[in-house]
Amino acid sequence: MVLTIDGMINDCNDGLEVHFDRAMVEALPQKEIKTENPWEQGLITYRGVALRDLLKYVKADGKTLSFVALNDYRADMPFADAAKYDVILAYQRDGVDLAVRDKGPFFVVFPFTDVPELATEARYAQSVWQVNRISVK
């Protein structure tokens, strides 16, 4: 298991949660974003699953997404932003899997280059890496 989603979801596979392994994540529709961010040099290609597709898969119905990292860092994002923007839960950078020591297993990636108004301190704080849990509230 690499990712758990809990909270206001309607399609669970383990009690009141959905547990994903890597194959389950890769079976969902995939998306790539080419973007710059404050933590990397230059334009980077990230690959993962669009948050909107992930939330649709678990039949999420909430107002807030809370991303939780392996070190218990948390950041909240309005649920509506997942529909409005092409935010992805990335597991690859430039074709290489994200290792835990390098922002893996998952990294919340915004299309900062395509949507420059997203490049704010608030959005950078929502760009959680080492994500292993999403709570829908």
Foldseek 3Di string as FASTA:
>chain_A
DQAKEAAQFDADDPVRIHADDPVRFVVWDKDWAFADAPPDPHTKIFMGHQPVRVCVVRRGDAQKKWWAAPVRQIAIDGPVVSVVFRWGFTQDINRHGADLVRQDNTWTDGNCVVPVVCRDPNNVSVRHGRTHYMYGD
